[in-house]
């Protein structure tokens, strides 16, 4: 049974994780509601990320360049490259996210969801959580 994580305007459905693949990959569907965004641009040093559009259109900012990802389109984000995302459309956008090797698992997203559960999260606690899991926040 997939691990479902709902926080704010993002919903994640984990299909595989570092725990189920022996650290090989994390694989999850991510649905961004309208106006959803990654509030803190970041990079990671230990894994690469591939995004594949399933429905709707999400906009990814990768190394300073904006890339719209629709159904059947993809972007590869090499480790060390600053990135973030948003959904500027009026409908949800869903993409498949593959992290290789598997490094996060669902727990990172559960921890971030817990920080956001009480309303506006403390930016210092969000950054500390990101760093603990290997995401390096970058000032935008």
Foldseek 3Di string as FASTA:
>chain_A
DWDWDDADQKIKTWPAACVRPVQFKTKIKIKGFAFDKDPFWWFFAPKKKKKAWCAAWKWKQWQNDIDIHHHGDMDIHGGPITMMITHNDNGMTMIMMMIGRGQAGCPLSVVVRVQPVVPDGDPVVNQVSCVVSGIHTDDD
